[in-house]
Every structure is written in C-alpha cells, then in structure tokens.
C-alpha cells in the first residue's frame, strides 16, 4: 500500500475512489461519507447515520468507494489517500491544501556508525516497576561489531535497559552490568529487515525477533526509576554506533505489548492499537501509553514523534532519511 497524498485541516469535500485515513491531533472532528456520481454530480445520500465523531489523537481508515466523497469538519487533523495517485478523482471539492513537501508513508533513518538519535531525560522513559515495550525494524548492514539499538542509561553499570548487537551478530538485553537475555549467535542477520521487540509484562521480560521469543525469559522485578533518557543507534556516550537502517521505533510505558510469539507487524506501528491485532497475542495500547513513535517517514520531518508527547528528537552527526522500508 502506497500513499498518494497527505493533506491537513481541509474542510472542503474530499474526493476518493478507494480508501483514506483520517488522523486527528489535539481536537476531535466530525466526518461524513456521501454517495454521489462522478464529477460534479450532487450527493444523493449520507452513507453514515452521523455525522460520526473521531476523538483527539485517534485515526480511522475509511473505504469511501468509487465516485463518493468525504467531508470533514474541524481542525488539527490530516487526511491521507491510501492508494495510488491515479486513484484520486478530480472535481469540485478535491484536495486543496497539500503539505509541502508531501511525505512518503514508508521510510527509515540511515545510520553510518558515527551518528545517533537521542531524547533527553524524561518521565516517559522511567519505567519504574511497571510493564513496558520498546521495538523497531532494523536493516543491519555491517555485522561482527558492537552496536546499540536502544539505550536508556546515563552510565554503566546502571539499572536501566540497553538493547544491543554483539560481535557474534547476537541480539542481547543488558541491564545493570550484565547480559540478562541473549538471543544467540547470528540472531541479527545483515542486509535483511528484522523486527526486534523487548516487552515486560507481569515481571517477565522477553526478547522477540521477527515475532519469535529468543533467549530466556528474564524474571524482572527491577525498579527502573522515574526518569531516563533514550538513545537510538549508539550508547549513552555516543559510542558503539549502529550501521544500517531503522524504522518504526516505538516505546510504550505501562504495557507489555507482546507476551508470546506473534506475527511480525506488516504495516507502520501506531500510537494506539487494539488487543490481539490480527489475532496475535498483543495487548491494547492507548494514546498516552505510547512514549515515543518514530515511523520515520522519508522526506522532511522524518524524525517527527507521532506519539501524543510530540517529543523533539536530537539528531547527532546527521542521521539521514531513506526511502528504504520494511513494508
């Protein structure tokens, strides 16, 4: 699925021939889908008994149908066509306000081993004794080296998680000066997209690679404190830099999203999700539980945090945008 266009806060009628996604920001909106003919023919009926409302920080995919159109009332939202550009109908009420430049829905952040991303110390990363999840998609291009994916430490040893790759191309979770989970040699392939997740639920922390648990279950009764920073692509000191692509880096506080083996995500992660998505053993996430979400759309704004926190990400050494993506 590729994105044709993204538009923001347009109250005119929006014409589609297939599917669209409405994503709200700080305020709710109302929307209506109308049946109509092609071109400028007048509407002949509202397909919903609405108008329905979409709350703040929510999104909804709507099938509009050939020749139908959508109206949206409100502000602080985006509407994106889920389809090819050729699917968009021309006519009165077509999209009139386009983001410049219009981003590509899929993309990644490219690391060269000398650059990295970070966020300053925040309560959103202070997991305490509660549940948590951090995950992402990785395309590792240089193996047999110590590289860091996530690091929540400020020194070492420290009671804070660090997710890394070792010289044997092994993914491991490191806490308080010790490796507590080791996925084993060659668990991180090079030149292939790999989904990696660490999830703690009910004092059990697990590491998943492409949806399959790797290594032991760690009996995790640690108190990780109330605040931590977050580093991606290097450790807290900027060393052990990752080489390759990252996409869909998500941190969730308060929810162990994965508790047993699951099918790897097949589309961009979202700030909210229902339980048991696609039949997988996953927990529900509400908007405020997602601490960070970097979908890393290619193009301008590729490091925009899509969580409700809207955190500013520091780009040290010029991590760049790439159109390479796992989907």
C-alpha atoms as a PDB file:
ATOM      1  CA  UNK A   1       0.000   0.000   0.000  1.00  0.00           C
ATOM      2  CA  UNK A   2       1.472   3.316  -1.010  1.00  0.00           C
ATOM      3  CA  UNK A   3       0.389   6.776  -0.107  1.00  0.00           C
ATOM      4  CA  UNK A   4      -0.725   9.196  -2.778  1.00  0.00           C
ATOM      5  CA  UNK A   5      -1.167  12.451  -0.882  1.00  0.00           C
ATOM      6  CA  UNK A   6      -1.429  13.834   2.635  1.00  0.00           C
ATOM      7  CA  UNK A   7      -3.467  16.942   3.393  1.00  0.00           C
ATOM      8  CA  UNK A   8      -4.043  18.832   6.579  1.00  0.00           C
ATOM      9  CA  UNK A   9      -7.120  20.508   8.082  1.00  0.00           C
ATOM     10  CA  UNK A  10      -9.144  20.888   4.876  1.00  0.00           C
ATOM     11  CA  UNK A  11     -12.873  21.364   5.487  1.00  0.00           C
ATOM     12  CA  UNK A  12     -13.937  21.065   1.844  1.00  0.00           C
ATOM     13  CA  UNK A  13     -15.266  17.856   0.322  1.00  0.00           C
ATOM     14  CA  UNK A  14     -12.508  15.344  -0.361  1.00  0.00           C
ATOM     15  CA  UNK A  15     -12.875  13.015  -3.356  1.00  0.00           C
ATOM     16  CA  UNK A  16     -11.559   9.427  -3.280  1.00  0.00           C
ATOM     17  CA  UNK A  17     -12.008   6.231  -5.227  1.00  0.00           C
ATOM     18  CA  UNK A  18     -10.786   3.782  -2.643  1.00  0.00           C
ATOM     19  CA  UNK A  19      -9.576   4.242   0.906  1.00  0.00           C
ATOM     20  CA  UNK A  20      -8.399   7.059   3.144  1.00  0.00           C
ATOM     21  CA  UNK A  21      -7.091   7.528   6.661  1.00  0.00           C
ATOM     22  CA  UNK A  22      -8.093  10.377   8.972  1.00  0.00           C
ATOM     23  CA  UNK A  23      -5.706  11.104  11.845  1.00  0.00           C
ATOM     24  CA  UNK A  24      -6.633  13.669  14.488  1.00  0.00           C
ATOM     25  CA  UNK A  25      -4.356  15.771  16.641  1.00  0.00           C
ATOM     26  CA  UNK A  26      -5.470  17.770  19.675  1.00  0.00           C
ATOM     27  CA  UNK A  27      -9.168  18.165  18.857  1.00  0.00           C
ATOM     28  CA  UNK A  28     -11.961  15.845  17.706  1.00  0.00           C
ATOM     29  CA  UNK A  29     -13.518  16.161  14.272  1.00  0.00           C
ATOM     30  CA  UNK A  30     -16.705  15.016  12.560  1.00  0.00           C
ATOM     31  CA  UNK A  31     -16.796  13.317   9.188  1.00  0.00           C
ATOM     32  CA  UNK A  32     -19.382  12.198   6.647  1.00  0.00           C
ATOM     33  CA  UNK A  33     -19.170   9.999   3.579  1.00  0.00           C
ATOM     34  CA  UNK A  34     -21.557  10.771   0.721  1.00  0.00           C
ATOM     35  CA  UNK A  35     -22.739   8.677  -2.176  1.00  0.00           C
ATOM     36  CA  UNK A  36     -22.585  10.637  -5.388  1.00  0.00           C
ATOM     37  CA  UNK A  37     -21.892  10.328  -9.072  1.00  0.00           C
ATOM     38  CA  UNK A  38     -18.572  11.017 -10.693  1.00  0.00           C
ATOM     39  CA  UNK A  39     -17.515  14.542 -11.484  1.00  0.00           C
ATOM     40  CA  UNK A  40     -19.672  17.300 -10.045  1.00  0.00           C
ATOM     41  CA  UNK A  41     -22.899  15.359  -9.556  1.00  0.00           C
ATOM     42  CA  UNK A  42     -24.663  16.268  -6.293  1.00  0.00           C
ATOM     43  CA  UNK A  43     -24.652  13.956  -3.284  1.00  0.00           C
ATOM     44  CA  UNK A  44     -27.576  11.545  -3.116  1.00  0.00           C
ATOM     45  CA  UNK A  45     -27.214  10.254   0.413  1.00  0.00           C
ATOM     46  CA  UNK A  46     -25.112  10.119   3.535  1.00  0.00           C
ATOM     47  CA  UNK A  47     -23.646   6.630   3.959  1.00  0.00           C
ATOM     48  CA  UNK A  48     -23.463   7.105   7.724  1.00  0.00           C
ATOM     49  CA  UNK A  49     -26.232   7.947  10.179  1.00  0.00           C
ATOM     50  CA  UNK A  50     -23.867  10.530  11.650  1.00  0.00           C
ATOM     51  CA  UNK A  51     -22.054  12.623  11.336  1.00  0.00           C
ATOM     52  CA  UNK A  52     -19.744  10.360  13.347  1.00  0.00           C
ATOM     53  CA  UNK A  53     -17.007  11.832  15.509  1.00  0.00           C
ATOM     54  CA  UNK A  54     -13.344  10.907  15.728  1.00  0.00           C
ATOM     55  CA  UNK A  55     -11.716  11.853  19.032  1.00  0.00           C
ATOM     56  CA  UNK A  56      -8.415  13.578  19.653  1.00  0.00           C
ATOM     57  CA  UNK A  57      -5.286  11.569  18.840  1.00  0.00           C
ATOM     58  CA  UNK A  58      -7.166   8.850  17.014  1.00  0.00           C
ATOM     59  CA  UNK A  59      -7.160   7.558  13.473  1.00  0.00           C
ATOM     60  CA  UNK A  60      -9.629   5.742  11.266  1.00  0.00           C
ATOM     61  CA  UNK A  61      -9.351   4.085   7.864  1.00  0.00           C
ATOM     62  CA  UNK A  62     -12.463   4.645   5.749  1.00  0.00           C
ATOM     63  CA  UNK A  63     -13.461   2.985   2.494  1.00  0.00           C
ATOM     64  CA  UNK A  64     -15.139   5.742   0.525  1.00  0.00           C
ATOM     65  CA  UNK A  65     -15.820   3.975  -2.752  1.00  0.00           C
ATOM     66  CA  UNK A  66     -15.676   4.971  -6.405  1.00  0.00           C
ATOM     67  CA  UNK A  67     -17.327   8.315  -7.021  1.00  0.00           C
ATOM     68  CA  UNK A  68     -18.096   9.007  -3.363  1.00  0.00           C
ATOM     69  CA  UNK A  69     -16.653  11.802  -1.323  1.00  0.00           C
ATOM     70  CA  UNK A  70     -15.798  12.613   2.252  1.00  0.00           C
ATOM     71  CA  UNK A  71     -16.351  15.801   4.206  1.00  0.00           C
ATOM     72  CA  UNK A  72     -14.528  16.644   7.424  1.00  0.00           C
ATOM     73  CA  UNK A  73     -15.445  19.377   9.885  1.00  0.00           C
ATOM     74  CA  UNK A  74     -12.886  20.533  12.413  1.00  0.00           C
ATOM     75  CA  UNK A  75      -9.194  21.283  12.640  1.00  0.00           C
ATOM     76  CA  UNK A  76      -5.879  19.702  13.633  1.00  0.00           C
ATOM     77  CA  UNK A  77      -6.169  16.596  11.509  1.00  0.00           C
ATOM     78  CA  UNK A  78      -4.571  15.011   8.470  1.00  0.00           C
ATOM     79  CA  UNK A  79      -6.290  13.073   5.709  1.00  0.00           C
ATOM     80  CA  UNK A  80      -4.248  10.769   3.531  1.00  0.00           C
ATOM     81  CA  UNK A  81      -5.140   8.769   0.466  1.00  0.00           C
ATOM     82  CA  UNK A  82      -4.309   5.101   0.885  1.00  0.00           C
ATOM     83  CA  UNK A  83      -3.741   4.167  -2.710  1.00  0.00           C
ATOM     84  CA  UNK A  84      -2.015   5.390  -5.817  1.00  0.00           C
ATOM     85  CA  UNK A  85      -2.149   8.923  -7.112  1.00  0.00           C
ATOM     86  CA  UNK A  86      -4.116   7.760 -10.132  1.00  0.00           C
ATOM     87  CA  UNK A  87      -6.960   6.707  -7.822  1.00  0.00           C
ATOM     88  CA  UNK A  88      -7.774  10.271  -6.783  1.00  0.00           C
ATOM     89  CA  UNK A  89     -10.811  11.715  -8.541  1.00  0.00           C
ATOM     90  CA  UNK A  90     -10.641  15.240  -9.870  1.00  0.00           C
ATOM     91  CA  UNK A  91     -13.594  17.538  -9.345  1.00  0.00           C
ATOM     92  CA  UNK A  92     -15.147  20.133  -7.093  1.00  0.00           C
ATOM     93  CA  UNK A  93     -14.035  19.671  -3.527  1.00  0.00           C
ATOM     94  CA  UNK A  94     -10.852  17.809  -4.369  1.00  0.00           C
ATOM     95  CA  UNK A  95      -7.889  18.264  -2.005  1.00  0.00           C
ATOM     96  CA  UNK A  96      -6.856  21.878  -1.986  1.00  0.00           C
ATOM     97  CA  UNK A  97      -4.197  22.230   0.704  1.00  0.00           C
ATOM     98  CA  UNK A  98      -1.168  19.985   0.421  1.00  0.00           C
ATOM     99  CA  UNK A  99       1.645  19.569   2.880  1.00  0.00           C
ATOM    100  CA  UNK A 100       4.915  20.733   1.360  1.00  0.00           C
ATOM    101  CA  UNK A 101       6.697  18.512   0.723  1.00  0.00           C
ATOM    102  CA  UNK A 102       4.241  15.645   0.874  1.00  0.00           C
ATOM    103  CA  UNK A 103       5.998  12.839   2.782  1.00  0.00           C
ATOM    104  CA  UNK A 104       6.210   9.223   1.729  1.00  0.00           C
ATOM    105  CA  UNK A 105       4.418   6.982   4.198  1.00  0.00           C
ATOM    106  CA  UNK A 106       7.237   4.440   4.373  1.00  0.00           C
ATOM    107  CA  UNK A 107      10.857   5.212   5.115  1.00  0.00           C
ATOM    108  CA  UNK A 108      13.672   4.788   7.590  1.00  0.00           C
ATOM    109  CA  UNK A 109      16.536   6.513   9.341  1.00  0.00           C
ATOM    110  CA  UNK A 110      20.002   5.699   7.996  1.00  0.00           C
ATOM    111  CA  UNK A 111      22.913   5.413  10.457  1.00  0.00           C
ATOM    112  CA  UNK A 112      26.591   5.274   9.471  1.00  0.00           C
ATOM    113  CA  UNK A 113      28.160   4.280  12.813  1.00  0.00           C
ATOM    114  CA  UNK A 114      29.119   7.846  13.782  1.00  0.00           C
ATOM    115  CA  UNK A 115      25.650   9.351  14.211  1.00  0.00           C
ATOM    116  CA  UNK A 116      22.736   8.627  16.507  1.00  0.00           C
ATOM    117  CA  UNK A 117      19.391   9.860  17.829  1.00  0.00           C
ATOM    118  CA  UNK A 118      18.581  10.809  21.404  1.00  0.00           C
ATOM    119  CA  UNK A 119      15.966  12.284  23.698  1.00  0.00           C
ATOM    120  CA  UNK A 120      16.727  13.995  26.961  1.00  0.00           C
ATOM    121  CA  UNK A 121      15.789  12.512  30.337  1.00  0.00           C
ATOM    122  CA  UNK A 122      12.011  12.179  30.612  1.00  0.00           C
ATOM    123  CA  UNK A 123       9.405  10.537  32.814  1.00  0.00           C
ATOM    124  CA  UNK A 124       8.055   8.823  29.688  1.00  0.00           C
ATOM    125  CA  UNK A 125      11.127   6.557  29.751  1.00  0.00           C
ATOM    126  CA  UNK A 126      11.160   5.971  33.518  1.00  0.00           C
ATOM    127  CA  UNK A 127       9.525   2.542  33.594  1.00  0.00           C
ATOM    128  CA  UNK A 128       9.648   2.060  37.382  1.00  0.00           C
ATOM    129  CA  UNK A 129       8.434  -1.434  38.282  1.00  0.00           C
ATOM    130  CA  UNK A 130       5.753  -1.429  35.607  1.00  0.00           C
ATOM    131  CA  UNK A 131       5.357  -3.038  32.224  1.00  0.00           C
ATOM    132  CA  UNK A 132       6.960  -1.639  29.079  1.00  0.00           C
ATOM    133  CA  UNK A 133       7.832  -2.357  25.454  1.00  0.00           C
ATOM    134  CA  UNK A 134      10.412  -0.996  23.061  1.00  0.00           C
ATOM    135  CA  UNK A 135      10.692  -2.210  19.495  1.00  0.00           C
ATOM    136  CA  UNK A 136      11.639  -1.362  15.946  1.00  0.00           C
ATOM    137  CA  UNK A 137      12.523  -2.606  12.476  1.00  0.00           C
ATOM    138  CA  UNK A 138      16.253  -2.898  11.646  1.00  0.00           C
ATOM    139  CA  UNK A 139      18.245  -3.479   8.473  1.00  0.00           C
ATOM    140  CA  UNK A 140      21.784  -4.089   9.680  1.00  0.00           C
ATOM    141  CA  UNK A 141      24.440  -3.606   7.002  1.00  0.00           C
ATOM    142  CA  UNK A 142      27.655  -4.171   8.986  1.00  0.00           C
ATOM    143  CA  UNK A 143      27.947  -7.141  11.334  1.00  0.00           C
ATOM    144  CA  UNK A 144      30.584  -8.560  13.700  1.00  0.00           C
ATOM    145  CA  UNK A 145      30.656  -5.383  15.786  1.00  0.00           C
ATOM    146  CA  UNK A 146      29.188  -3.961  18.994  1.00  0.00           C
ATOM    147  CA  UNK A 147      26.202  -1.825  18.021  1.00  0.00           C
ATOM    148  CA  UNK A 148      23.399  -0.280  20.055  1.00  0.00           C
ATOM    149  CA  UNK A 149      19.709  -0.208  19.164  1.00  0.00           C
ATOM    150  CA  UNK A 150      18.168   1.301  22.323  1.00  0.00           C
ATOM    151  CA  UNK A 151      19.965   2.615  25.411  1.00  0.00           C
ATOM    152  CA  UNK A 152      18.184   4.128  28.422  1.00  0.00           C
ATOM    153  CA  UNK A 153      21.326   4.513  30.550  1.00  0.00           C
ATOM    154  CA  UNK A 154      23.405   7.509  31.595  1.00  0.00           C
ATOM    155  CA  UNK A 155      26.371   5.482  32.853  1.00  0.00           C
ATOM    156  CA  UNK A 156      27.424   1.861  33.349  1.00  0.00           C
ATOM    157  CA  UNK A 157      26.643  -0.216  35.242  1.00  0.00           C
ATOM    158  CA  UNK A 158      23.168   1.160  35.759  1.00  0.00           C
ATOM    159  CA  UNK A 159      19.739  -0.268  36.427  1.00  0.00           C
ATOM    160  CA  UNK A 160      18.400   0.655  33.003  1.00  0.00           C
ATOM    161  CA  UNK A 161      17.837  -1.382  29.810  1.00  0.00           C
ATOM    162  CA  UNK A 162      20.205  -1.439  26.852  1.00  0.00           C
ATOM    163  CA  UNK A 163      19.434  -3.422  23.685  1.00  0.00           C
ATOM    164  CA  UNK A 164      22.486  -4.203  21.621  1.00  0.00           C
ATOM    165  CA  UNK A 165      24.123  -6.358  18.972  1.00  0.00           C
ATOM    166  CA  UNK A 166      27.365  -8.179  19.785  1.00  0.00           C
ATOM    167  CA  UNK A 167      30.370  -9.193  17.713  1.00  0.00           C
ATOM    168  CA  UNK A 168      28.785 -12.593  17.056  1.00  0.00           C
ATOM    169  CA  UNK A 169      25.814 -10.847  15.450  1.00  0.00           C
ATOM    170  CA  UNK A 170      23.819 -11.669  18.556  1.00  0.00           C
ATOM    171  CA  UNK A 171      20.987  -9.514  19.871  1.00  0.00           C
ATOM    172  CA  UNK A 172      21.042  -9.121  23.634  1.00  0.00           C
ATOM    173  CA  UNK A 173      19.435  -7.215  26.509  1.00  0.00           C
ATOM    174  CA  UNK A 174      21.893  -5.739  29.012  1.00  0.00           C
ATOM    175  CA  UNK A 175      20.846  -4.485  32.454  1.00  0.00           C
ATOM    176  CA  UNK A 176      22.934  -3.307  35.414  1.00  0.00           C
ATOM    177  CA  UNK A 177      26.253  -4.545  34.042  1.00  0.00           C
ATOM    178  CA  UNK A 178      25.065  -7.978  32.882  1.00  0.00           C
ATOM    179  CA  UNK A 179      23.506  -9.626  29.849  1.00  0.00           C
ATOM    180  CA  UNK A 180      20.119 -10.882  31.033  1.00  0.00           C
ATOM    181  CA  UNK A 181      18.833 -12.178  27.666  1.00  0.00           C
ATOM    182  CA  UNK A 182      20.988 -13.350  24.756  1.00  0.00           C
ATOM    183  CA  UNK A 183      19.253 -14.322  21.521  1.00  0.00           C
ATOM    184  CA  UNK A 184      22.286 -16.320  20.409  1.00  0.00           C
ATOM    185  CA  UNK A 185      24.893 -16.048  17.674  1.00  0.00           C
ATOM    186  CA  UNK A 186      23.750 -14.800  14.271  1.00  0.00           C
ATOM    187  CA  UNK A 187      20.337 -13.818  15.629  1.00  0.00           C
ATOM    188  CA  UNK A 188      20.759 -10.471  13.852  1.00  0.00           C
ATOM    189  CA  UNK A 189      21.154 -11.006  10.101  1.00  0.00           C
ATOM    190  CA  UNK A 190      22.731  -8.418   7.849  1.00  0.00           C
ATOM    191  CA  UNK A 191      21.026  -6.930   4.808  1.00  0.00           C
ATOM    192  CA  UNK A 192      17.531  -8.020   5.794  1.00  0.00           C
ATOM    193  CA  UNK A 193      14.730  -6.251   7.643  1.00  0.00           C
ATOM    194  CA  UNK A 194      14.282  -7.680  11.143  1.00  0.00           C
ATOM    195  CA  UNK A 195      11.653  -6.781  13.735  1.00  0.00           C
ATOM    196  CA  UNK A 196      13.028  -6.746  17.294  1.00  0.00           C
ATOM    197  CA  UNK A 197      10.966  -6.158  20.430  1.00  0.00           C
ATOM    198  CA  UNK A 198      11.598  -6.226  24.181  1.00  0.00           C
ATOM    199  CA  UNK A 199       8.446  -6.499  26.293  1.00  0.00           C
ATOM    200  CA  UNK A 200       7.939  -6.732  30.043  1.00  0.00           C
ATOM    201  CA  UNK A 201       4.592  -7.980  31.354  1.00  0.00           C
ATOM    202  CA  UNK A 202       3.896  -9.038  34.940  1.00  0.00           C
ATOM    203  CA  UNK A 203       7.599  -9.116  35.919  1.00  0.00           C
ATOM    204  CA  UNK A 204       8.565 -11.254  32.917  1.00  0.00           C
ATOM    205  CA  UNK A 205      10.727  -9.615  30.252  1.00  0.00           C
ATOM    206  CA  UNK A 206      11.074 -11.272  26.838  1.00  0.00           C
ATOM    207  CA  UNK A 207      13.017 -10.571  23.669  1.00  0.00           C
ATOM    208  CA  UNK A 208      11.334 -11.275  20.339  1.00  0.00           C
ATOM    209  CA  UNK A 209      12.951 -11.447  16.901  1.00  0.00           C
ATOM    210  CA  UNK A 210      10.522 -11.461  13.988  1.00  0.00           C
ATOM    211  CA  UNK A 211       7.795 -12.367  16.453  1.00  0.00           C
ATOM    212  CA  UNK A 212       9.532 -15.402  17.971  1.00  0.00           C
ATOM    213  CA  UNK A 213      10.862 -15.333  21.509  1.00  0.00           C
ATOM    214  CA  UNK A 214      14.645 -15.577  21.597  1.00  0.00           C
ATOM    215  CA  UNK A 215      16.665 -16.481  24.675  1.00  0.00           C
ATOM    216  CA  UNK A 216      15.354 -16.940  28.197  1.00  0.00           C
ATOM    217  CA  UNK A 217      12.543 -15.139  29.969  1.00  0.00           C
ATOM    218  CA  UNK A 218      14.077 -12.666  32.412  1.00  0.00           C
ATOM    219  CA  UNK A 219      12.453 -12.512  35.870  1.00  0.00           C
ATOM    220  CA  UNK A 220      12.311  -8.737  36.043  1.00  0.00           C
ATOM    221  CA  UNK A 221      11.490  -7.200  39.425  1.00  0.00           C
ATOM    222  CA  UNK A 222      13.741  -4.193  38.874  1.00  0.00           C
ATOM    223  CA  UNK A 223      12.736  -0.634  39.614  1.00  0.00           C
ATOM    224  CA  UNK A 224      13.975   1.389  36.650  1.00  0.00           C
ATOM    225  CA  UNK A 225      13.220   4.704  38.279  1.00  0.00           C
ATOM    226  CA  UNK A 226      11.039   7.627  37.292  1.00  0.00           C
ATOM    227  CA  UNK A 227      13.136   9.208  34.543  1.00  0.00           C
ATOM    228  CA  UNK A 228      15.564   8.064  31.858  1.00  0.00           C
ATOM    229  CA  UNK A 229      16.953   9.360  28.555  1.00  0.00           C
ATOM    230  CA  UNK A 230      16.618   7.407  25.319  1.00  0.00           C
ATOM    231  CA  UNK A 231      19.384   6.790  22.767  1.00  0.00           C
ATOM    232  CA  UNK A 232      18.960   5.028  19.431  1.00  0.00           C
ATOM    233  CA  UNK A 233      21.837   3.965  17.208  1.00  0.00           C
ATOM    234  CA  UNK A 234      24.579   4.444  19.835  1.00  0.00           C
ATOM    235  CA  UNK A 235      25.078   4.158  23.582  1.00  0.00           C
ATOM    236  CA  UNK A 236      24.675   6.954  26.124  1.00  0.00           C
ATOM    237  CA  UNK A 237      28.196   8.182  25.347  1.00  0.00           C
ATOM    238  CA  UNK A 238      27.714   8.185  21.567  1.00  0.00           C
ATOM    239  CA  UNK A 239      29.889   5.091  21.086  1.00  0.00           C
ATOM    240  CA  UNK A 240      29.230   1.659  19.549  1.00  0.00           C
ATOM    241  CA  UNK A 241      27.338   3.216  16.660  1.00  0.00           C
ATOM    242  CA  UNK A 242      24.885   1.221  14.595  1.00  0.00           C
ATOM    243  CA  UNK A 243      25.319   0.898  10.826  1.00  0.00           C
ATOM    244  CA  UNK A 244      22.187   0.435   8.779  1.00  0.00           C
ATOM    245  CA  UNK A 245      18.535   1.442   8.703  1.00  0.00           C
ATOM    246  CA  UNK A 246      15.948   1.773  11.478  1.00  0.00           C
ATOM    247  CA  UNK A 247      12.215   2.259  11.132  1.00  0.00           C
ATOM    248  CA  UNK A 248       9.144   2.305  13.382  1.00  0.00           C
ATOM    249  CA  UNK A 249      10.938   2.763  16.678  1.00  0.00           C
ATOM    250  CA  UNK A 250       8.297   2.670  19.402  1.00  0.00           C
ATOM    251  CA  UNK A 251       8.494   2.910  23.205  1.00  0.00           C
ATOM    252  CA  UNK A 252       5.429   2.050  25.295  1.00  0.00           C
ATOM    253  CA  UNK A 253       5.253   2.689  29.049  1.00  0.00           C
ATOM    254  CA  UNK A 254       2.802   0.661  31.113  1.00  0.00           C
ATOM    255  CA  UNK A 255       2.064  -2.118  28.598  1.00  0.00           C
ATOM    256  CA  UNK A 256       3.943  -5.284  27.721  1.00  0.00           C
ATOM    257  CA  UNK A 257       2.577  -5.397  24.187  1.00  0.00           C
ATOM    258  CA  UNK A 258       3.814  -8.919  23.380  1.00  0.00           C
ATOM    259  CA  UNK A 259       3.613 -11.841  25.800  1.00  0.00           C
ATOM    260  CA  UNK A 260       4.126 -14.805  23.457  1.00  0.00           C
ATOM    261  CA  UNK A 261       5.074 -15.456  19.845  1.00  0.00           C
ATOM    262  CA  UNK A 262       3.321 -13.263  17.292  1.00  0.00           C
ATOM    263  CA  UNK A 263       3.340 -12.443  13.591  1.00  0.00           C
ATOM    264  CA  UNK A 264       5.637  -9.518  12.825  1.00  0.00           C
ATOM    265  CA  UNK A 265       3.855  -6.240  12.003  1.00  0.00           C
ATOM    266  CA  UNK A 266       3.033  -5.815   8.328  1.00  0.00           C
ATOM    267  CA  UNK A 267       2.438  -2.050   8.380  1.00  0.00           C
ATOM    268  CA  UNK A 268       3.635   1.018  10.242  1.00  0.00           C
ATOM    269  CA  UNK A 269       3.219   0.905  14.006  1.00  0.00           C
ATOM    270  CA  UNK A 270       0.672   3.261  15.547  1.00  0.00           C
ATOM    271  CA  UNK A 271       0.406   5.102  18.865  1.00  0.00           C
ATOM    272  CA  UNK A 272      -2.788   3.209  19.691  1.00  0.00           C
ATOM    273  CA  UNK A 273      -3.861  -0.313  18.896  1.00  0.00           C
ATOM    274  CA  UNK A 274      -6.498  -2.831  19.843  1.00  0.00           C
ATOM    275  CA  UNK A 275      -5.754  -6.021  21.739  1.00  0.00           C
ATOM    276  CA  UNK A 276      -4.924  -9.133  19.719  1.00  0.00           C
ATOM    277  CA  UNK A 277      -4.282  -7.292  16.479  1.00  0.00           C
ATOM    278  CA  UNK A 278      -4.674  -9.681  13.526  1.00  0.00           C
ATOM    279  CA  UNK A 279      -5.217 -12.494  16.014  1.00  0.00           C
ATOM    280  CA  UNK A 280      -1.803 -12.021  17.593  1.00  0.00           C
ATOM    281  CA  UNK A 281      -1.293 -12.202  21.372  1.00  0.00           C
ATOM    282  CA  UNK A 282      -0.761  -8.479  21.779  1.00  0.00           C
ATOM    283  CA  UNK A 283      -2.073  -6.066  24.392  1.00  0.00           C
ATOM    284  CA  UNK A 284      -4.069  -2.925  23.731  1.00  0.00           C
ATOM    285  CA  UNK A 285      -2.294   0.446  23.768  1.00  0.00           C
ATOM    286  CA  UNK A 286      -3.950   3.779  24.483  1.00  0.00           C
ATOM    287  CA  UNK A 287      -2.561   7.023  23.120  1.00  0.00           C
ATOM    288  CA  UNK A 288      -0.918   8.250  26.318  1.00  0.00           C
ATOM    289  CA  UNK A 289       0.872   4.929  26.908  1.00  0.00           C
ATOM    290  CA  UNK A 290       2.998   5.331  23.790  1.00  0.00           C
ATOM    291  CA  UNK A 291       6.011   7.337  24.946  1.00  0.00           C
ATOM    292  CA  UNK A 292       7.686   7.618  21.537  1.00  0.00           C
ATOM    293  CA  UNK A 293       6.825   6.649  17.974  1.00  0.00           C
ATOM    294  CA  UNK A 294       9.184   7.326  15.080  1.00  0.00           C
ATOM    295  CA  UNK A 295       7.551   5.972  11.931  1.00  0.00           C
ATOM    296  CA  UNK A 296      10.437   7.655  10.099  1.00  0.00           C
ATOM    297  CA  UNK A 297       8.534   8.704   7.007  1.00  0.00           C
ATOM    298  CA  UNK A 298      11.011   9.559   4.295  1.00  0.00           C
ATOM    299  CA  UNK A 299      11.458  13.206   3.464  1.00  0.00           C
ATOM    300  CA  UNK A 300      11.109  16.302   5.591  1.00  0.00           C
ATOM    301  CA  UNK A 301      10.101  15.685   9.189  1.00  0.00           C
ATOM    302  CA  UNK A 302      11.244  12.072   9.062  1.00  0.00           C
ATOM    303  CA  UNK A 303      12.056  12.100  12.776  1.00  0.00           C
ATOM    304  CA  UNK A 304       8.769  13.589  13.960  1.00  0.00           C
ATOM    305  CA  UNK A 305       7.493  11.887  17.099  1.00  0.00           C
ATOM    306  CA  UNK A 306       3.981  10.610  16.348  1.00  0.00           C
ATOM    307  CA  UNK A 307       3.127   9.971  19.997  1.00  0.00           C
ATOM    308  CA  UNK A 308       0.982  12.403  21.955  1.00  0.00           C
ATOM    309  CA  UNK A 309       4.184  13.660  23.587  1.00  0.00           C
ATOM    310  CA  UNK A 310       5.463  15.099  20.302  1.00  0.00           C
ATOM    311  CA  UNK A 311       8.994  14.932  21.684  1.00  0.00           C
ATOM    312  CA  UNK A 312      11.896  16.658  19.979  1.00  0.00           C
ATOM    313  CA  UNK A 313      14.488  14.150  18.792  1.00  0.00           C
ATOM    314  CA  UNK A 314      18.127  15.257  18.766  1.00  0.00           C
ATOM    315  CA  UNK A 315      19.974  14.165  15.637  1.00  0.00           C
ATOM    316  CA  UNK A 316      23.694  13.979  16.425  1.00  0.00           C
ATOM    317  CA  UNK A 317      26.017  13.558  13.454  1.00  0.00           C
ATOM    318  CA  UNK A 318      23.288  13.842  10.818  1.00  0.00           C
ATOM    319  CA  UNK A 319      21.272  10.647  10.691  1.00  0.00           C
ATOM    320  CA  UNK A 320      19.617  10.868   7.275  1.00  0.00           C
ATOM    321  CA  UNK A 321      16.246   9.990   5.783  1.00  0.00           C
ATOM    322  CA  UNK A 322      15.913   6.999   3.457  1.00  0.00           C
ATOM    323  CA  UNK A 323      13.114   5.548   1.369  1.00  0.00           C
ATOM    324  CA  UNK A 324      14.178   2.029   2.359  1.00  0.00           C
ATOM    325  CA  UNK A 325      11.415   0.483   4.455  1.00  0.00           C
ATOM    326  CA  UNK A 326      10.333  -2.893   5.878  1.00  0.00           C
ATOM    327  CA  UNK A 327       6.886  -2.868   4.172  1.00  0.00           C
END
